[in-house]
PDB file of N, CA and C in Angstrom:
ATOM      1  N   MET A   1       0.831  -1.181   0.000  1.00  0.00           N
ATOM      2  CA  MET A   1       0.000   0.000   0.000  1.00  0.00           C
ATOM      3  C   MET A   1       0.874   1.242   0.000  1.00  0.00           C
ATOM      4  N   GLY A   2       1.456   1.615   1.097  1.00  0.00           N
ATOM      5  CA  GLY A   2       2.379   2.738   1.148  1.00  0.00           C
ATOM      6  C   GLY A   2       1.695   4.087   1.278  1.00  0.00           C
ATOM      7  N   LEU A   3       2.523   5.088   1.383  1.00  0.00           N
ATOM      8  CA  LEU A   3       2.041   6.462   1.502  1.00  0.00           C
ATOM      9  C   LEU A   3       1.888   7.095   0.131  1.00  0.00           C
ATOM     10  N   PRO A   4       0.968   8.063   0.004  1.00  0.00           N
ATOM     11  CA  PRO A   4       0.871   8.784  -1.268  1.00  0.00           C
ATOM     12  C   PRO A   4       2.130   9.619  -1.480  1.00  0.00           C
ATOM     13  N   THR A   5       2.536   9.747  -2.710  1.00  0.00           N
ATOM     14  CA  THR A   5       3.774  10.472  -2.999  1.00  0.00           C
ATOM     15  C   THR A   5       3.578  11.968  -2.821  1.00  0.00           C
ATOM     16  N   LEU A   6       4.649  12.615  -2.418  1.00  0.00           N
ATOM     17  CA  LEU A   6       4.668  14.071  -2.309  1.00  0.00           C
ATOM     18  C   LEU A   6       5.505  14.612  -3.460  1.00  0.00           C
ATOM     19  N   GLU A   7       4.894  15.383  -4.302  1.00  0.00           N
ATOM     20  CA  GLU A   7       5.590  15.987  -5.437  1.00  0.00           C
ATOM     21  C   GLU A   7       6.021  17.397  -5.069  1.00  0.00           C
ATOM     22  N   PHE A   8       7.253  17.731  -5.410  1.00  0.00           N
ATOM     23  CA  PHE A   8       7.772  19.058  -5.109  1.00  0.00           C
ATOM     24  C   PHE A   8       6.956  20.140  -5.811  1.00  0.00           C
ATOM     25  N   SER A   9       6.514  19.867  -7.026  1.00  0.00           N
ATOM     26  CA  SER A   9       5.748  20.873  -7.779  1.00  0.00           C
ATOM     27  C   SER A   9       4.383  21.139  -7.135  1.00  0.00           C
ATOM     28  N   ASP A  10       3.839  20.173  -6.402  1.00  0.00           N
ATOM     29  CA  ASP A  10       2.546  20.362  -5.745  1.00  0.00           C
ATOM     30  C   ASP A  10       2.623  21.306  -4.550  1.00  0.00           C
ATOM     31  N   CYS A  11       3.793  21.440  -3.962  1.00  0.00           N
ATOM     32  CA  CYS A  11       3.890  22.320  -2.795  1.00  0.00           C
ATOM     33  C   CYS A  11       3.687  23.782  -3.179  1.00  0.00           C
ATOM     34  N   TYR A  12       3.997  24.152  -4.420  1.00  0.00           N
ATOM     35  CA  TYR A  12       3.748  25.527  -4.872  1.00  0.00           C
ATOM     36  C   TYR A  12       2.259  25.820  -4.946  1.00  0.00           C
ATOM     37  N   LEU A  13       1.490  24.842  -5.380  1.00  0.00           N
ATOM     38  CA  LEU A  13       0.048  25.038  -5.514  1.00  0.00           C
ATOM     39  C   LEU A  13      -0.649  25.065  -4.154  1.00  0.00           C
ATOM     40  N   ASP A  14      -0.088  24.337  -3.197  1.00  0.00           N
ATOM     41  CA  ASP A  14      -0.647  24.262  -1.846  1.00  0.00           C
ATOM     42  C   ASP A  14      -2.119  23.863  -1.877  1.00  0.00           C
ATOM     43  N   SER A  15      -2.397  22.825  -2.607  1.00  0.00           N
ATOM     44  CA  SER A  15      -3.778  22.360  -2.768  1.00  0.00           C
ATOM     45  C   SER A  15      -4.227  21.567  -1.539  1.00  0.00           C
ATOM     46  N   PRO A  16      -5.534  21.418  -1.361  1.00  0.00           N
ATOM     47  CA  PRO A  16      -6.033  20.590  -0.252  1.00  0.00           C
ATOM     48  C   PRO A  16      -5.571  19.129  -0.362  1.00  0.00           C
ATOM     49  N   ASP A  17      -5.428  18.636  -1.595  1.00  0.00           N
ATOM     50  CA  ASP A  17      -4.926  17.269  -1.776  1.00  0.00           C
ATOM     51  C   ASP A  17      -3.495  17.139  -1.270  1.00  0.00           C
ATOM     52  N   PHE A  18      -2.675  18.146  -1.576  1.00  0.00           N
ATOM     53  CA  PHE A  18      -1.286  18.122  -1.115  1.00  0.00           C
ATOM     54  C   PHE A  18      -1.235  18.156   0.408  1.00  0.00           C
ATOM     55  N   ARG A  19      -2.051  18.995   1.021  1.00  0.00           N
ATOM     56  CA  ARG A  19      -2.069  19.086   2.484  1.00  0.00           C
ATOM     57  C   ARG A  19      -2.531  17.766   3.114  1.00  0.00           C
ATOM     58  N   GLU A  20      -3.475  17.115   2.479  1.00  0.00           N
ATOM     59  CA  GLU A  20      -3.949  15.822   2.983  1.00  0.00           C
ATOM     60  C   GLU A  20      -2.846  14.769   2.894  1.00  0.00           C
ATOM     61  N   ARG A  21      -2.132  14.726   1.787  1.00  0.00           N
ATOM     62  CA  ARG A  21      -1.009  13.784   1.649  1.00  0.00           C
ATOM     63  C   ARG A  21       0.092  14.109   2.649  1.00  0.00           C
ATOM     64  N   LEU A  22       0.327  15.398   2.860  1.00  0.00           N
ATOM     65  CA  LEU A  22       1.336  15.824   3.829  1.00  0.00           C
ATOM     66  C   LEU A  22       0.941  15.386   5.238  1.00  0.00           C
ATOM     67  N   LYS A  23      -0.335  15.456   5.537  1.00  0.00           N
ATOM     68  CA  LYS A  23      -0.838  15.033   6.843  1.00  0.00           C
ATOM     69  C   LYS A  23      -0.575  13.540   7.072  1.00  0.00           C
ATOM     70  N   TYR A  24      -0.773  12.730   6.036  1.00  0.00           N
ATOM     71  CA  TYR A  24      -0.483  11.296   6.146  1.00  0.00           C
ATOM     72  C   TYR A  24       1.001  11.057   6.436  1.00  0.00           C
ATOM     73  N   HIS A  25       1.860  11.796   5.760  1.00  0.00           N
ATOM     74  CA  HIS A  25       3.300  11.643   5.975  1.00  0.00           C
ATOM     75  C   HIS A  25       3.689  12.072   7.387  1.00  0.00           C
ATOM     76  N   GLU A  26       3.130  13.169   7.865  1.00  0.00           N
ATOM     77  CA  GLU A  26       3.440  13.631   9.220  1.00  0.00           C
ATOM     78  C   GLU A  26       2.986  12.611  10.261  1.00  0.00           C
ATOM     79  N   PHE A  27       1.803  12.041  10.052  1.00  0.00           N
ATOM     80  CA  PHE A  27       1.297  11.030  10.975  1.00  0.00           C
ATOM     81  C   PHE A  27       2.212   9.807  10.996  1.00  0.00           C
ATOM     82  N   GLU A  28       2.644   9.372   9.835  1.00  0.00           N
ATOM     83  CA  GLU A  28       3.524   8.202   9.754  1.00  0.00           C
ATOM     84  C   GLU A  28       4.889   8.488  10.375  1.00  0.00           C
ATOM     85  N   LEU A  29       5.398   9.703  10.205  1.00  0.00           N
ATOM     86  CA  LEU A  29       6.662  10.074  10.846  1.00  0.00           C
ATOM     87  C   LEU A  29       6.530  10.075  12.366  1.00  0.00           C
ATOM     88  N   ASP A  30       5.412  10.560  12.883  1.00  0.00           N
ATOM     89  CA  ASP A  30       5.188  10.530  14.327  1.00  0.00           C
ATOM     90  C   ASP A  30       5.145   9.095  14.855  1.00  0.00           C
ATOM     91  N   ARG A  31       4.448   8.218  14.144  1.00  0.00           N
ATOM     92  CA  ARG A  31       4.389   6.809  14.551  1.00  0.00           C
ATOM     93  C   ARG A  31       5.771   6.169  14.537  1.00  0.00           C
ATOM     94  N   THR A  32       6.528   6.448  13.485  1.00  0.00           N
ATOM     95  CA  THR A  32       7.869   5.878  13.372  1.00  0.00           C
ATOM     96  C   THR A  32       8.774   6.404  14.479  1.00  0.00           C
ATOM     97  N   ASN A  33       8.663   7.694  14.782  1.00  0.00           N
ATOM     98  CA  ASN A  33       9.471   8.295  15.838  1.00  0.00           C
ATOM     99  C   ASN A  33       9.160   7.653  17.190  1.00  0.00           C
ATOM    100  N   LYS A  34       7.887   7.447  17.500  1.00  0.00           N
ATOM    101  CA  LYS A  34       7.503   6.802  18.755  1.00  0.00           C
ATOM    102  C   LYS A  34       8.020   5.366  18.813  1.00  0.00           C
ATOM    103  N   PHE A  35       7.933   4.659  17.695  1.00  0.00           N
ATOM    104  CA  PHE A  35       8.410   3.278  17.654  1.00  0.00           C
ATOM    105  C   PHE A  35       9.920   3.214  17.901  1.00  0.00           C
ATOM    106  N   ILE A  36      10.664   4.113  17.285  1.00  0.00           N
ATOM    107  CA  ILE A  36      12.119   4.119  17.460  1.00  0.00           C
ATOM    108  C   ILE A  36      12.483   4.453  18.901  1.00  0.00           C
ATOM    109  N   LYS A  37      11.776   5.416  19.507  1.00  0.00           N
ATOM    110  CA  LYS A  37      12.052   5.755  20.905  1.00  0.00           C
ATOM    111  C   LYS A  37      11.788   4.563  21.819  1.00  0.00           C
ATOM    112  N   GLU A  38      10.689   3.851  21.595  1.00  0.00           N
ATOM    113  CA  GLU A  38      10.383   2.659  22.386  1.00  0.00           C
ATOM    114  C   GLU A  38      11.428   1.566  22.167  1.00  0.00           C
ATOM    115  N   LEU A  39      11.861   1.415  20.936  1.00  0.00           N
ATOM    116  CA  LEU A  39      12.872   0.411  20.620  1.00  0.00           C
ATOM    117  C   LEU A  39      14.191   0.722  21.321  1.00  0.00           C
ATOM    118  N   ILE A  40      14.589   1.979  21.331  1.00  0.00           N
ATOM    119  CA  ILE A  40      15.823   2.382  22.016  1.00  0.00           C
ATOM    120  C   ILE A  40      15.686   2.157  23.515  1.00  0.00           C
ATOM    121  N   LYS A  41      14.537   2.529  24.077  1.00  0.00           N
ATOM    122  CA  LYS A  41      14.316   2.342  25.508  1.00  0.00           C
ATOM    123  C   LYS A  41      14.361   0.859  25.876  1.00  0.00           C
ATOM    124  N   ASP A  42      13.685   0.023  25.096  1.00  0.00           N
ATOM    125  CA  ASP A  42      13.697  -1.418  25.366  1.00  0.00           C
ATOM    126  C   ASP A  42      15.091  -2.013  25.189  1.00  0.00           C
ATOM    127  N   GLY A  43      15.816  -1.549  24.188  1.00  0.00           N
ATOM    128  CA  GLY A  43      17.185  -2.025  23.976  1.00  0.00           C
ATOM    129  C   GLY A  43      18.095  -1.660  25.130  1.00  0.00           C
ATOM    130  N   ASN A  44      17.973  -0.432  25.626  1.00  0.00           N
ATOM    131  CA  ASN A  44      18.784  -0.011  26.771  1.00  0.00           C
ATOM    132  C   ASN A  44      18.434  -0.805  28.023  1.00  0.00           C
ATOM    133  N   MET A  45      17.146  -1.089  28.206  1.00  0.00           N
ATOM    134  CA  MET A  45      16.747  -1.903  29.357  1.00  0.00           C
ATOM    135  C   MET A  45      17.299  -3.320  29.240  1.00  0.00           C
ATOM    136  N   LEU A  46      17.279  -3.877  28.047  1.00  0.00           N
ATOM    137  CA  LEU A  46      17.814  -5.216  27.827  1.00  0.00           C
ATOM    138  C   LEU A  46      19.316  -5.255  28.080  1.00  0.00           C
ATOM    139  N   ILE A  47      20.030  -4.272  27.575  1.00  0.00           N
ATOM    140  CA  ILE A  47      21.481  -4.216  27.792  1.00  0.00           C
ATOM    141  C   ILE A  47      21.787  -4.069  29.275  1.00  0.00           C
ATOM    142  N   GLY A  48      21.042  -3.214  29.973  1.00  0.00           N
ATOM    143  CA  GLY A  48      21.244  -3.052  31.409  1.00  0.00           C
ATOM    144  C   GLY A  48      20.976  -4.333  32.175  1.00  0.00           C
ATOM    145  N   ALA A  49      19.917  -5.041  31.794  1.00  0.00           N
ATOM    146  CA  ALA A  49      19.599  -6.301  32.466  1.00  0.00           C
ATOM    147  C   ALA A  49      20.675  -7.346  32.203  1.00  0.00           C
ATOM    148  N   LEU A  50      21.156  -7.401  30.976  1.00  0.00           N
ATOM    149  CA  LEU A  50      22.213  -8.366  30.658  1.00  0.00           C
ATOM    150  C   LEU A  50      23.499  -8.040  31.401  1.00  0.00           C
ATOM    151  N   ARG A  51      23.829  -6.762  31.487  1.00  0.00           N
ATOM    152  CA  ARG A  51      25.042  -6.376  32.218  1.00  0.00           C
ATOM    153  C   ARG A  51      24.942  -6.765  33.684  1.00  0.00           C
ATOM    154  N   SER A  52      23.819  -6.471  34.303  1.00  0.00           N
ATOM    155  CA  SER A  52      23.688  -6.795  35.722  1.00  0.00           C
ATOM    156  C   SER A  52      23.658  -8.308  35.933  1.00  0.00           C
ATOM    157  N   LYS A  53      23.020  -9.032  35.032  1.00  0.00           N
ATOM    158  CA  LYS A  53      22.970 -10.494  35.151  1.00  0.00           C
ATOM    159  C   LYS A  53      24.361 -11.099  34.991  1.00  0.00           C
ATOM    160  N   VAL A  54      25.102 -10.649  34.005  1.00  0.00           N
ATOM    161  CA  VAL A  54      26.455 -11.165  33.787  1.00  0.00           C
ATOM    162  C   VAL A  54      27.340 -10.815  34.972  1.00  0.00           C
ATOM    163  N   PHE A  55      27.202  -9.603  35.486  1.00  0.00           N
ATOM    164  CA  PHE A  55      28.024  -9.201  36.624  1.00  0.00           C
ATOM    165  C   PHE A  55      27.693 -10.036  37.853  1.00  0.00           C
ATOM    166  N   VAL A  56      26.425 -10.281  38.097  1.00  0.00           N
ATOM    167  CA  VAL A  56      26.018 -11.061  39.270  1.00  0.00           C
ATOM    168  C   VAL A  56      26.508 -12.501  39.157  1.00  0.00           C
ATOM    169  N   VAL A  57      26.469 -13.063  37.963  1.00  0.00           N
ATOM    170  CA  VAL A  57      26.865 -14.456  37.781  1.00  0.00           C
ATOM    171  C   VAL A  57      28.380 -14.609  37.768  1.00  0.00           C
ATOM    172  N   ARG A  58      29.085 -13.711  37.097  1.00  0.00           N
ATOM    173  CA  ARG A  58      30.526 -13.907  36.900  1.00  0.00           C
ATOM    174  C   ARG A  58      31.400 -13.280  37.977  1.00  0.00           C
ATOM    175  N   ALA A  59      30.942 -12.258  38.652  1.00  0.00           N
ATOM    176  CA  ALA A  59      31.783 -11.592  39.647  1.00  0.00           C
ATOM    177  C   ALA A  59      32.225 -12.540  40.757  1.00  0.00           C
ATOM    178  N   PRO A  60      31.339 -13.333  41.346  1.00  0.00           N
ATOM    179  CA  PRO A  60      31.811 -14.262  42.379  1.00  0.00           C
ATOM    180  C   PRO A  60      32.787 -15.303  41.830  1.00  0.00           C
ATOM    181  N   LEU A  61      32.585 -15.729  40.605  1.00  0.00           N
ATOM    182  CA  LEU A  61      33.505 -16.700  40.013  1.00  0.00           C
ATOM    183  C   LEU A  61      34.895 -16.105  39.847  1.00  0.00           C
ATOM    184  N   LEU A  62      34.950 -14.877  39.386  1.00  0.00           N
ATOM    185  CA  LEU A  62      36.252 -14.232  39.219  1.00  0.00           C
ATOM    186  C   LEU A  62      36.910 -13.959  40.562  1.00  0.00           C
ATOM    187  N   ALA A  63      36.125 -13.573  41.545  1.00  0.00           N
ATOM    188  CA  ALA A  63      36.686 -13.262  42.856  1.00  0.00           C
ATOM    189  C   ALA A  63      37.253 -14.511  43.517  1.00  0.00           C
ATOM    190  N   THR A  64      36.583 -15.647  43.375  1.00  0.00           N
ATOM    191  CA  THR A  64      37.079 -16.864  44.020  1.00  0.00           C
ATOM    192  C   THR A  64      38.217 -17.493  43.236  1.00  0.00           C
ATOM    193  N   ARG A  65      38.183 -17.382  41.920  1.00  0.00           N
ATOM    194  CA  ARG A  65      39.216 -18.004  41.098  1.00  0.00           C
ATOM    195  C   ARG A  65      40.526 -17.211  41.152  1.00  0.00           C
ATOM    196  N   ASN A  66      40.443 -15.907  41.201  1.00  0.00           N
ATOM    197  CA  ASN A  66      41.639 -15.067  41.132  1.00  0.00           C
ATOM    198  C   ASN A  66      41.726 -14.149  42.344  1.00  0.00           C
ATOM    199  N   LYS A  67      41.780 -14.725  43.520  1.00  0.00           N
ATOM    200  CA  LYS A  67      41.854 -13.891  44.717  1.00  0.00           C
ATOM    201  C   LYS A  67      43.163 -13.125  44.787  1.00  0.00           C
ATOM    202  N   SER A  68      44.232 -13.702  44.269  1.00  0.00           N
ATOM    203  CA  SER A  68      45.523 -13.033  44.359  1.00  0.00           C
ATOM    204  C   SER A  68      45.652 -11.898  43.353  1.00  0.00           C
ATOM    205  N   SER A  69      44.879 -11.938  42.281  1.00  0.00           N
ATOM    206  CA  SER A  69      44.994 -10.919  41.243  1.00  0.00           C
ATOM    207  C   SER A  69      43.703 -10.114  41.160  1.00  0.00           C
ATOM    208  N   GLY A  70      43.751  -8.887  41.640  1.00  0.00           N
ATOM    209  CA  GLY A  70      42.579  -8.023  41.575  1.00  0.00           C
ATOM    210  C   GLY A  70      42.427  -7.337  40.240  1.00  0.00           C
ATOM    211  N   GLU A  71      43.449  -7.438  39.385  1.00  0.00           N
ATOM    212  CA  GLU A  71      43.404  -6.752  38.095  1.00  0.00           C
ATOM    213  C   GLU A  71      42.317  -7.317  37.191  1.00  0.00           C
ATOM    214  N   LYS A  72      42.153  -8.611  37.172  1.00  0.00           N
ATOM    215  CA  LYS A  72      41.153  -9.211  36.286  1.00  0.00           C
ATOM    216  C   LYS A  72      39.745  -8.803  36.697  1.00  0.00           C
ATOM    217  N   PHE A  73      39.486  -8.751  37.991  1.00  0.00           N
ATOM    218  CA  PHE A  73      38.170  -8.322  38.441  1.00  0.00           C
ATOM    219  C   PHE A  73      37.931  -6.867  38.057  1.00  0.00           C
ATOM    220  N   PHE A  74      38.939  -6.019  38.212  1.00  0.00           N
ATOM    221  CA  PHE A  74      38.798  -4.615  37.828  1.00  0.00           C
ATOM    222  C   PHE A  74      38.532  -4.499  36.340  1.00  0.00           C
ATOM    223  N   PHE A  75      39.248  -5.273  35.524  1.00  0.00           N
ATOM    224  CA  PHE A  75      39.025  -5.235  34.077  1.00  0.00           C
ATOM    225  C   PHE A  75      37.605  -5.672  33.744  1.00  0.00           C
ATOM    226  N   PHE A  76      37.132  -6.718  34.396  1.00  0.00           N
ATOM    227  CA  PHE A  76      35.776  -7.202  34.144  1.00  0.00           C
ATOM    228  C   PHE A  76      34.751  -6.135  34.521  1.00  0.00           C
ATOM    229  N   PHE A  77      34.930  -5.535  35.682  1.00  0.00           N
ATOM    230  CA  PHE A  77      33.991  -4.513  36.134  1.00  0.00           C
ATOM    231  C   PHE A  77      34.022  -3.314  35.197  1.00  0.00           C
ATOM    232  N   PHE A  78      35.188  -2.878  34.795  1.00  0.00           N
ATOM    233  CA  PHE A  78      35.320  -1.725  33.905  1.00  0.00           C
ATOM    234  C   PHE A  78      34.741  -2.036  32.531  1.00  0.00           C
ATOM    235  N   PHE A  79      34.949  -3.229  32.036  1.00  0.00           N
ATOM    236  CA  PHE A  79      34.484  -3.597  30.699  1.00  0.00           C
ATOM    237  C   PHE A  79      32.962  -3.637  30.621  1.00  0.00           C
ATOM    238  N   PHE A  80      32.307  -4.114  31.646  1.00  0.00           N
ATOM    239  CA  PHE A  80      30.858  -4.265  31.591  1.00  0.00           C
ATOM    240  C   PHE A  80      30.106  -3.085  32.183  1.00  0.00           C
ATOM    241  N   TYR A  81      30.771  -2.085  32.720  1.00  0.00           N
ATOM    242  CA  TYR A  81      30.071  -0.907  33.232  1.00  0.00           C
ATOM    243  C   TYR A  81      30.686   0.308  32.717  1.00  0.00           C
TER     244      TYR A  81
END
C-alpha cells in the first residue's frame, strides 16, 4: 500500500490534496518516531539487564578463582560498566 507520494511541484500550488497527503506523511513520521524511541528504551533496558545479570553471575567466580589478582576483576567490572 504505502504512503501517497509528495511531489515538489505540488507544494507551490498548496492544494487541499497536497495538504492531505502531507498530513499522512506527518502522521507516519510521528508513529515511526515513537516506535524508534520505544525500541531504544527497550534495547537499553535489555542491555542493562544483561550487564547486571552477567556481573552477578561472573563476579563471584572471578573473585574466588583469582583472589591473588585483583586486576582481572577490575578489568571485568570496567568492561561491563
